[in-house]
PDB file of N, CA and C in Angstrom:
ATOM      1  N   MET A   1     130.695  85.844 130.863  1.00  0.00           N
ATOM      2  CA  MET A   1     131.939  85.844 130.105  1.00  0.00           C
ATOM      3  C   MET A   1     131.798  86.690 128.839  1.00  0.00           C
ATOM      4  N   VAL A   2     130.649  86.609 128.192  1.00  0.00           N
ATOM      5  CA  VAL A   2     130.426  87.403 126.992  1.00  0.00           C
ATOM      6  C   VAL A   2     130.500  88.882 127.328  1.00  0.00           C
ATOM      7  N   LEU A   3     129.942  89.263 128.482  1.00  0.00           N
ATOM      8  CA  LEU A   3     129.980  90.659 128.900  1.00  0.00           C
ATOM      9  C   LEU A   3     131.416  91.132 129.056  1.00  0.00           C
ATOM     10  N   LEU A   4     132.277  90.300 129.632  1.00  0.00           N
ATOM     11  CA  LEU A   4     133.673  90.682 129.805  1.00  0.00           C
ATOM     12  C   LEU A   4     134.361  90.873 128.456  1.00  0.00           C
ATOM     13  N   CYS A   5     134.084  89.991 127.524  1.00  0.00           N
ATOM     14  CA  CYS A   5     134.673  90.127 126.190  1.00  0.00           C
ATOM     15  C   CYS A   5     134.165  91.394 125.524  1.00  0.00           C
ATOM     16  N   HIS A   6     132.870  91.681 125.668  1.00  0.00           N
ATOM     17  CA  HIS A   6     132.288  92.873 125.074  1.00  0.00           C
ATOM     18  C   HIS A   6     132.882  94.110 125.739  1.00  0.00           C
ATOM     19  N   HIS A   7     133.047  94.058 127.052  1.00  0.00           N
ATOM     20  CA  HIS A   7     133.635  95.162 127.809  1.00  0.00           C
ATOM     21  C   HIS A   7     135.060  95.422 127.307  1.00  0.00           C
ATOM     22  N   ALA A   8     135.826  94.373 127.107  1.00  0.00           N
ATOM     23  CA  ALA A   8     137.196  94.519 126.613  1.00  0.00           C
ATOM     24  C   ALA A   8     137.201  95.137 125.219  1.00  0.00           C
ATOM     25  N   HIS A   9     136.243  94.752 124.383  1.00  0.00           N
ATOM     26  CA  HIS A   9     136.146  95.322 123.041  1.00  0.00           C
ATOM     27  C   HIS A   9     135.876  96.818 123.110  1.00  0.00           C
ATOM     28  N   MET A  10     135.026  97.251 124.034  1.00  0.00           N
ATOM     29  CA  MET A  10     134.712  98.672 124.151  1.00  0.00           C
ATOM     30  C   MET A  10     135.931  99.476 124.593  1.00  0.00           C
ATOM     31  N   MET A  11     136.849  98.843 125.291  1.00  0.00           N
ATOM     32  CA  MET A  11     138.068  99.539 125.710  1.00  0.00           C
ATOM     33  C   MET A  11     138.902  99.930 124.485  1.00  0.00           C
ATOM     34  N   ASP A  12     138.741  99.191 123.388  1.00  0.00           N
ATOM     35  CA  ASP A  12     139.486  99.484 122.165  1.00  0.00           C
ATOM     36  C   ASP A  12     138.910 100.682 121.413  1.00  0.00           C
ATOM     37  N   ILE A  13     137.661 101.035 121.682  1.00  0.00           N
ATOM     38  CA  ILE A  13     137.012 102.158 121.032  1.00  0.00           C
ATOM     39  C   ILE A  13     137.447 103.429 121.747  1.00  0.00           C
ATOM     40  N   LYS A  14     137.915 104.412 121.002  1.00  0.00           N
ATOM     41  CA  LYS A  14     138.417 105.638 121.634  1.00  0.00           C
ATOM     42  C   LYS A  14     137.303 106.421 122.316  1.00  0.00           C
ATOM     43  N   TYR A  15     136.183 106.587 121.647  1.00  0.00           N
ATOM     44  CA  TYR A  15     135.059 107.331 122.211  1.00  0.00           C
ATOM     45  C   TYR A  15     133.795 106.492 122.131  1.00  0.00           C
ATOM     46  N   LEU A  16     133.006 106.553 123.197  1.00  0.00           N
ATOM     47  CA  LEU A  16     131.762 105.806 123.273  1.00  0.00           C
ATOM     48  C   LEU A  16     130.581 106.760 123.108  1.00  0.00           C
ATOM     49  N   THR A  17     129.550 106.308 122.431  1.00  0.00           N
ATOM     50  CA  THR A  17     128.308 107.064 122.337  1.00  0.00           C
ATOM     51  C   THR A  17     127.578 106.949 123.682  1.00  0.00           C
ATOM     52  N   ARG A  18     126.480 107.668 123.841  1.00  0.00           N
ATOM     53  CA  ARG A  18     125.670 107.561 125.060  1.00  0.00           C
ATOM     54  C   ARG A  18     125.203 106.117 125.253  1.00  0.00           C
ATOM     55  N   GLU A  19     124.759 105.501 124.177  1.00  0.00           N
ATOM     56  CA  GLU A  19     124.259 104.137 124.256  1.00  0.00           C
ATOM     57  C   GLU A  19     125.369 103.176 124.661  1.00  0.00           C
ATOM     58  N   GLN A  20     126.542 103.339 124.071  1.00  0.00           N
ATOM     59  CA  GLN A  20     127.670 102.474 124.401  1.00  0.00           C
ATOM     60  C   GLN A  20     128.144 102.697 125.832  1.00  0.00           C
ATOM     61  N   ALA A  21     128.158 103.950 126.287  1.00  0.00           N
ATOM     62  CA  ALA A  21     128.574 104.248 127.662  1.00  0.00           C
ATOM     63  C   ALA A  21     127.601 103.611 128.653  1.00  0.00           C
ATOM     64  N   ALA A  22     126.315 103.703 128.377  1.00  0.00           N
ATOM     65  CA  ALA A  22     125.316 103.084 129.251  1.00  0.00           C
ATOM     66  C   ALA A  22     125.507 101.568 129.280  1.00  0.00           C
ATOM     67  N   GLN A  23     125.743 100.992 128.125  1.00  0.00           N
ATOM     68  CA  GLN A  23     125.965  99.552 128.050  1.00  0.00           C
ATOM     69  C   GLN A  23     127.254  99.180 128.779  1.00  0.00           C
ATOM     70  N   TYR A  24     128.285  99.965 128.629  1.00  0.00           N
ATOM     71  CA  TYR A  24     129.576  99.741 129.300  1.00  0.00           C
ATOM     72  C   TYR A  24     129.384  99.704 130.814  1.00  0.00           C
ATOM     73  N   LEU A  25     128.536 100.595 131.335  1.00  0.00           N
ATOM     74  CA  LEU A  25     128.269 100.661 132.764  1.00  0.00           C
ATOM     75  C   LEU A  25     127.173  99.688 133.204  1.00  0.00           C
ATOM     76  N   GLY A  26     126.422  99.147 132.246  1.00  0.00           N
ATOM     77  CA  GLY A  26     125.338  98.233 132.578  1.00  0.00           C
ATOM     78  C   GLY A  26     124.134  98.945 133.169  1.00  0.00           C
ATOM     79  N   ILE A  27     123.870 100.167 132.669  1.00  0.00           N
ATOM     80  CA  ILE A  27     122.756 100.976 133.175  1.00  0.00           C
ATOM     81  C   ILE A  27     121.902 101.472 132.014  1.00  0.00           C
ATOM     82  N   SER A  28     120.752 102.044 132.347  1.00  0.00           N
ATOM     83  CA  SER A  28     119.869 102.588 131.313  1.00  0.00           C
ATOM     84  C   SER A  28     120.361 103.970 130.862  1.00  0.00           C
ATOM     85  N   LEU A  29     119.842 104.433 129.741  1.00  0.00           N
ATOM     86  CA  LEU A  29     120.168 105.785 129.263  1.00  0.00           C
ATOM     87  C   LEU A  29     119.670 106.841 130.249  1.00  0.00           C
ATOM     88  N   ASN A  30     118.525 106.584 130.866  1.00  0.00           N
ATOM     89  CA  ASN A  30     118.008 107.529 131.866  1.00  0.00           C
ATOM     90  C   ASN A  30     118.949 107.639 133.049  1.00  0.00           C
ATOM     91  N   HIS A  31     119.462 106.505 133.516  1.00  0.00           N
ATOM     92  CA  HIS A  31     120.403 106.519 134.638  1.00  0.00           C
ATOM     93  C   HIS A  31     121.691 107.242 134.230  1.00  0.00           C
ATOM     94  N   LEU A  32     122.161 107.014 133.023  1.00  0.00           N
ATOM     95  CA  LEU A  32     123.351 107.710 132.529  1.00  0.00           C
ATOM     96  C   LEU A  32     123.127 109.222 132.553  1.00  0.00           C
ATOM     97  N   SER A  33     121.965 109.659 132.110  1.00  0.00           N
ATOM     98  CA  SER A  33     121.642 111.097 132.129  1.00  0.00           C
ATOM     99  C   SER A  33     121.678 111.642 133.543  1.00  0.00           C
ATOM    100  N   GLU A  34     121.195 110.867 134.509  1.00  0.00           N
ATOM    101  CA  GLU A  34     121.223 111.297 135.908  1.00  0.00           C
ATOM    102  C   GLU A  34     122.663 111.414 136.412  1.00  0.00           C
ATOM    103  N   LEU A  35     123.528 110.497 135.980  1.00  0.00           N
ATOM    104  CA  LEU A  35     124.933 110.544 136.414  1.00  0.00           C
ATOM    105  C   LEU A  35     125.654 111.783 135.883  1.00  0.00           C
ATOM    106  N   LEU A  36     125.141 112.370 134.817  1.00  0.00           N
ATOM    107  CA  LEU A  36     125.741 113.591 134.272  1.00  0.00           C
ATOM    108  C   LEU A  36     125.341 114.817 135.083  1.00  0.00           C
ATOM    109  N   LYS A  37     124.308 114.687 135.922  1.00  0.00           N
ATOM    110  CA  LYS A  37     123.799 115.806 136.710  1.00  0.00           C
ATOM    111  C   LYS A  37     124.274 115.761 138.158  1.00  0.00           C
ATOM    112  N   GLU A  38     124.885 114.673 138.562  1.00  0.00           N
ATOM    113  CA  GLU A  38     125.311 114.490 139.950  1.00  0.00           C
ATOM    114  C   GLU A  38     126.308 115.573 140.352  1.00  0.00           C
ATOM    115  N   PRO A  39     126.490 115.756 141.672  1.00  0.00           N
ATOM    116  CA  PRO A  39     127.516 116.699 142.139  1.00  0.00           C
ATOM    117  C   PRO A  39     128.920 116.297 141.659  1.00  0.00           C
ATOM    118  N   ASN A  40     129.113 115.007 141.422  1.00  0.00           N
ATOM    119  CA  ASN A  40     130.387 114.480 140.932  1.00  0.00           C
ATOM    120  C   ASN A  40     130.113 113.822 139.577  1.00  0.00           C
ATOM    121  N   PRO A  41     129.860 114.639 138.521  1.00  0.00           N
ATOM    122  CA  PRO A  41     129.349 114.083 137.257  1.00  0.00           C
ATOM    123  C   PRO A  41     130.338 113.201 136.499  1.00  0.00           C
ATOM    124  N   LEU A  42     129.772 112.295 135.758  1.00  0.00           N
ATOM    125  CA  LEU A  42     130.531 111.434 134.864  1.00  0.00           C
ATOM    126  C   LEU A  42     131.206 112.303 133.798  1.00  0.00           C
ATOM    127  N   PRO A  43     132.511 112.107 133.533  1.00  0.00           N
ATOM    128  CA  PRO A  43     133.194 112.916 132.510  1.00  0.00           C
ATOM    129  C   PRO A  43     132.630 112.659 131.108  1.00  0.00           C
ATOM    130  N   VAL A  44     132.435 113.740 130.367  1.00  0.00           N
ATOM    131  CA  VAL A  44     131.846 113.640 129.033  1.00  0.00           C
ATOM    132  C   VAL A  44     132.408 114.760 128.159  1.00  0.00           C
ATOM    133  N   PHE A  45     132.440 114.518 126.864  1.00  0.00           N
ATOM    134  CA  PHE A  45     132.832 115.530 125.880  1.00  0.00           C
ATOM    135  C   PHE A  45     131.612 115.874 125.043  1.00  0.00           C
ATOM    136  N   ARG A  46     131.453 117.120 124.702  1.00  0.00           N
ATOM    137  CA  ARG A  46     130.380 117.528 123.811  1.00  0.00           C
ATOM    138  C   ARG A  46     131.006 117.845 122.455  1.00  0.00           C
ATOM    139  N   LEU A  47     130.550 117.141 121.435  1.00  0.00           N
ATOM    140  CA  LEU A  47     130.987 117.380 120.057  1.00  0.00           C
ATOM    141  C   LEU A  47     129.755 117.830 119.282  1.00  0.00           C
ATOM    142  N   GLY A  48     129.593 119.127 119.171  1.00  0.00           N
ATOM    143  CA  GLY A  48     128.367 119.650 118.576  1.00  0.00           C
ATOM    144  C   GLY A  48     127.207 119.320 119.493  1.00  0.00           C
ATOM    145  N   ARG A  49     126.247 118.557 118.999  1.00  0.00           N
ATOM    146  CA  ARG A  49     125.095 118.146 119.812  1.00  0.00           C
ATOM    147  C   ARG A  49     125.298 116.777 120.445  1.00  0.00           C
ATOM    148  N   ARG A  50     126.368 116.097 120.058  1.00  0.00           N
ATOM    149  CA  ARG A  50     126.624 114.736 120.549  1.00  0.00           C
ATOM    150  C   ARG A  50     127.430 114.754 121.831  1.00  0.00           C
ATOM    151  N   LEU A  51     127.136 113.811 122.707  1.00  0.00           N
ATOM    152  CA  LEU A  51     127.947 113.574 123.892  1.00  0.00           C
ATOM    153  C   LEU A  51     128.747 112.302 123.643  1.00  0.00           C
ATOM    154  N   VAL A  52     130.034 112.330 123.960  1.00  0.00           N
ATOM    155  CA  VAL A  52     130.872 111.140 123.823  1.00  0.00           C
ATOM    156  C   VAL A  52     131.666 110.947 125.116  1.00  0.00           C
ATOM    157  N   PHE A  53     131.995 109.701 125.381  1.00  0.00           N
ATOM    158  CA  PHE A  53     132.669 109.302 126.605  1.00  0.00           C
ATOM    159  C   PHE A  53     133.901 108.493 126.258  1.00  0.00           C
ATOM    160  N   ARG A  54     134.905 108.534 127.127  1.00  0.00           N
ATOM    161  CA  ARG A  54     136.065 107.649 126.985  1.00  0.00           C
ATOM    162  C   ARG A  54     135.976 106.590 128.071  1.00  0.00           C
ATOM    163  N   ALA A  55     136.188 105.322 127.694  1.00  0.00           N
ATOM    164  CA  ALA A  55     136.109 104.222 128.655  1.00  0.00           C
ATOM    165  C   ALA A  55     137.090 104.440 129.808  1.00  0.00           C
ATOM    166  N   ALA A  56     138.282 104.927 129.522  1.00  0.00           N
ATOM    167  CA  ALA A  56     139.282 105.157 130.580  1.00  0.00           C
ATOM    168  C   ALA A  56     138.786 106.211 131.566  1.00  0.00           C
ATOM    169  N   ASP A  57     138.110 107.248 131.079  1.00  0.00           N
ATOM    170  CA  ASP A  57     137.555 108.279 131.970  1.00  0.00           C
ATOM    171  C   ASP A  57     136.450 107.688 132.852  1.00  0.00           C
ATOM    172  N   ILE A  58     135.631 106.825 132.269  1.00  0.00           N
ATOM    173  CA  ILE A  58     134.564 106.180 133.033  1.00  0.00           C
ATOM    174  C   ILE A  58     135.178 105.317 134.135  1.00  0.00           C
ATOM    175  N   ASP A  59     136.201 104.541 133.787  1.00  0.00           N
ATOM    176  CA  ASP A  59     136.861 103.685 134.773  1.00  0.00           C
ATOM    177  C   ASP A  59     137.468 104.515 135.907  1.00  0.00           C
ATOM    178  N   ASN A  60     138.131 105.611 135.569  1.00  0.00           N
ATOM    179  CA  ASN A  60     138.721 106.482 136.592  1.00  0.00           C
ATOM    180  C   ASN A  60     137.648 107.107 137.475  1.00  0.00           C
ATOM    181  N   TRP A  61     136.536 107.496 136.891  1.00  0.00           N
ATOM    182  CA  TRP A  61     135.425 108.086 137.633  1.00  0.00           C
ATOM    183  C   TRP A  61     134.854 107.079 138.628  1.00  0.00           C
ATOM    184  N   ILE A  62     134.682 105.841 138.188  1.00  0.00           N
ATOM    185  CA  ILE A  62     134.138 104.792 139.060  1.00  0.00           C
ATOM    186  C   ILE A  62     135.051 104.553 140.259  1.00  0.00           C
ATOM    187  N   GLU A  63     136.346 104.621 140.049  1.00  0.00           N
ATOM    188  CA  GLU A  63     137.304 104.379 141.138  1.00  0.00           C
ATOM    189  C   GLU A  63     137.094 105.334 142.310  1.00  0.00           C
ATOM    190  N   LYS A  64     136.547 106.511 142.061  1.00  0.00           N
ATOM    191  CA  LYS A  64     136.293 107.478 143.129  1.00  0.00           C
ATOM    192  C   LYS A  64     135.273 106.951 144.128  1.00  0.00           C
ATOM    193  N   PHE A  65     134.473 105.980 143.715  1.00  0.00           N
ATOM    194  CA  PHE A  65     133.388 105.473 144.550  1.00  0.00           C
ATOM    195  C   PHE A  65     133.697 104.106 145.158  1.00  0.00           C
ATOM    196  N   ARG A  66     134.941 103.691 145.068  1.00  0.00           N
ATOM    197  CA  ARG A  66     135.334 102.387 145.618  1.00  0.00           C
ATOM    198  C   ARG A  66     135.112 102.371 147.126  1.00  0.00           C
ATOM    199  N   VAL A  67     134.492 101.320 147.590  1.00  0.00           N
ATOM    200  CA  VAL A  67     134.252 101.143 149.019  1.00  0.00           C
ATOM    201  C   VAL A  67     135.516 100.510 149.611  1.00  0.00           C
ATOM    202  N   GLN A  68     136.078 101.171 150.607  1.00  0.00           N
ATOM    203  CA  GLN A  68     137.313 100.699 151.208  1.00  0.00           C
ATOM    204  C   GLN A  68     137.098  99.724 152.359  1.00  0.00           C
ATOM    205  N   HIS A  69     136.015  99.920 153.114  1.00  0.00           N
ATOM    206  CA  HIS A  69     135.775  99.103 154.287  1.00  0.00           C
ATOM    207  C   HIS A  69     134.325  98.618 154.314  1.00  0.00           C
ATOM    208  N   GLN A  70     134.106  97.491 154.948  1.00  0.00           N
ATOM    209  CA  GLN A  70     132.759  96.938 155.086  1.00  0.00           C
ATOM    210  C   GLN A  70     131.825  97.951 155.736  1.00  0.00           C
ATOM    211  N   SER A  71     132.330  98.735 156.683  1.00  0.00           N
ATOM    212  CA  SER A  71     131.496  99.717 157.382  1.00  0.00           C
ATOM    213  C   SER A  71     130.985 100.803 156.433  1.00  0.00           C
ATOM    214  N   ASP A  72     131.678 101.013 155.312  1.00  0.00           N
ATOM    215  CA  ASP A  72     131.246 102.006 154.325  1.00  0.00           C
ATOM    216  C   ASP A  72     129.979 101.562 153.597  1.00  0.00           C
ATOM    217  N   LEU A  73     129.631 100.304 153.693  1.00  0.00           N
ATOM    218  CA  LEU A  73     128.443  99.780 153.011  1.00  0.00           C
ATOM    219  C   LEU A  73     127.173 100.050 153.802  1.00  0.00           C
ATOM    220  N   GLN A  74     127.286 100.459 155.023  1.00  0.00           N
ATOM    221  CA  GLN A  74     126.129 100.689 155.893  1.00  0.00           C
ATOM    222  C   GLN A  74     125.465 102.005 155.600  1.00  0.00           C
TER     223      GLN A  74
END
């Protein structure tokens, strides 16, 4: 339940840092870095040397990977 409340709080933040984006997804910073290199990379903005993410963009990106049928899990 705390995670859901924290997740909802992050939705109020316009831009997430790398650390916040990783926490939002429940993954490590290393895994987040790998997701930026995938053929279908996680959306990100570069502000100077900083990378920032929008929670709405992350949510939309995740939707692309929704499993529609049980057979897709095989």
